[in-house]
Amino acid sequence: MNSRTVARHVFGYLVGIFVFGLAIPYGLFNLAMNHPINLPIGYAARQALALILATIGIFFVLWSNAALLIQGKGGPTDAFNVAISPRTKRLVIRGPYRYTRNPMVFGALSIYFALTVYWDSLQAVLALITFCVIVRFYLRATEEKRLLKDFGQEFEHYRKTTSMIVPWPRRRAKDS
């Protein structure tokens, strides 16, 4: 990798960490603290659920980033069809991508749900559900179109057999 590629990777990860690791959790935190509404589960159960969700989320975020870098030879940061980090050169369908087309999104959303459960805010959970709907539309409108353009039939088959966000067992492709 040349120094320009390394710099783009570093910049892409810094942007991703800022947006997904700081800005979104900060927004959820403010919502949770300014509008606390107790969730209908006890403290110990809430903490256990938050720990499980956070662990799953961190695992998927790290695993999917490594898979993109090692297998796809690219980075994850692409926003509104603008490549911030270098785009993958190969379609990654192994590792966490075997279970979901967007394991990084699944991981981040799991972490966000963990935080909202931990902070005990139904208001933040409802805002996060709305955010999930927006993310799903965004993925369809931008990322999936770009991947179809870049990887064609290979992505189309992958799209038909692999869940969009939540990890599920692979399904058989339906004949079109």
Foldseek 3Di string as FASTA:
>chain_A
DDPVLVVLQVQLVVVCCCVLVPVVLVVLVVQCVVAADADPDDLVVLLVLLVVLLVQLVVLQVFVQVQCCVVQVWGDRADQNRRSHGGGPDQRCDDVNVFAVCSNVLSSLSNQVSSCSNSRHPRSVVVSVVVVVVVVVRCVVGVLVVCCVNPNPVSVQSPQFHHHHDGDHTDHHDDD
